Amino acid sequence: MPQLREALITELRKGGPRTSEELVKKLLSSGYAARPEDVRKELASLVREGLIIKEPSPQRMKFVFKAKPSEQPTQ
């Protein structure tokens, strides 16, 4: 699901930290047909690959996902 993968990474870069439910709602409002289970599966894959970060949010009492900061080359 390369399209879903790219849509998730793009949304996390633009929108900041979000829960999986927030990501599903955002994708649906953008016209992307995203099933919650597919989104969660792809998020888990992206976390394992180190492309995004999963961390707890005590305020929301849920996990949030955020884009990994892009690494700037050292000069």
Protein backbone atom coordinates (compact mmCIF):
# COMPACT_ATOMS: atom_id res chain seq x y z
CA MET A 1 0.00 0.00 0.00
CA PRO A 2 2.49 2.61 -1.11
CA GLN A 3 -0.20 5.28 -1.48
CA LEU A 4 -1.37 4.85 2.12
CA ARG A 5 2.22 4.88 3.34
CA GLU A 6 2.99 8.15 1.55
CA ALA A 7 -0.30 9.72 2.66
CA LEU A 8 0.45 8.89 6.31
CA ILE A 9 4.00 10.24 6.20
CA THR A 10 2.85 13.41 4.43
CA GLU A 11 0.04 13.98 6.92
CA LEU A 12 2.33 13.51 9.92
CA ARG A 13 4.87 15.94 8.47
CA LYS A 14 2.21 18.58 7.82
CA GLY A 15 -0.13 18.05 10.76
CA GLY A 16 2.16 17.13 13.62
CA PRO A 17 1.60 14.36 16.17
CA ARG A 18 -1.69 12.49 15.77
CA THR A 19 -3.41 9.37 17.03
CA SER A 20 -4.35 6.61 14.63
CA GLU A 21 -8.02 7.63 14.91
CA GLU A 22 -7.16 11.23 14.01
CA LEU A 23 -5.17 10.03 11.01
CA VAL A 24 -8.07 7.89 9.77
CA LYS A 25 -10.48 10.84 10.06
CA LYS A 26 -8.07 13.16 8.27
CA LEU A 27 -7.49 10.70 5.43
CA LEU A 28 -11.24 10.12 5.02
CA SER A 29 -11.93 13.86 4.93
CA SER A 30 -9.23 14.21 2.28
CA GLY A 31 -11.05 11.70 0.08
CA TYR A 32 -8.78 8.74 0.78
CA ALA A 33 -10.63 5.46 1.40
CA ALA A 34 -8.77 4.35 4.52
CA ARG A 35 -9.88 1.46 6.71
CA PRO A 36 -8.80 1.82 10.36
CA GLU A 37 -7.17 -1.62 10.43
CA ASP A 38 -5.13 -0.84 7.31
CA VAL A 39 -3.97 2.46 8.80
CA ARG A 40 -2.91 0.80 12.07
CA LYS A 41 -1.07 -1.95 10.19
CA GLU A 42 0.79 0.57 8.02
CA LEU A 43 1.63 2.74 11.06
CA ALA A 44 3.14 -0.29 12.80
CA SER A 45 5.21 -1.04 9.72
CA LEU A 46 6.47 2.56 9.51
CA VAL A 47 7.44 2.50 13.20
CA ARG A 48 9.37 -0.77 12.75
CA GLU A 49 11.20 0.73 9.77
CA GLY A 50 12.10 3.84 11.78
CA LEU A 51 10.31 6.27 9.47
CA ILE A 52 7.92 7.55 12.14
CA ILE A 53 7.95 7.68 15.93
CA LYS A 54 5.31 6.30 18.30
CA GLU A 55 5.19 7.81 21.76
CA PRO A 56 2.70 7.99 24.62
CA SER A 57 0.68 11.16 25.15
CA PRO A 58 -0.35 11.40 28.82
CA GLN A 59 -2.77 14.25 28.05
CA ARG A 60 -4.69 12.18 25.50
CA MET A 61 -4.06 8.88 27.29
CA LYS A 62 -3.21 7.35 23.89
CA PHE A 63 -0.20 6.82 21.67
CA VAL A 64 0.57 9.48 19.08
CA PHE A 65 2.57 9.11 15.92
CA LYS A 66 4.86 11.76 14.52
CA ALA A 67 7.21 12.10 11.62
CA LYS A 68 10.83 11.44 12.40
CA PRO A 69 12.83 14.67 12.11
CA SER A 70 14.69 14.80 8.83
CA GLU A 71 18.40 14.49 9.34
CA GLN A 72 20.46 17.42 8.12
CA PRO A 73 23.87 16.51 6.69
CA THR A 74 26.75 17.74 8.82
CA GLN A 75 29.25 20.04 7.16
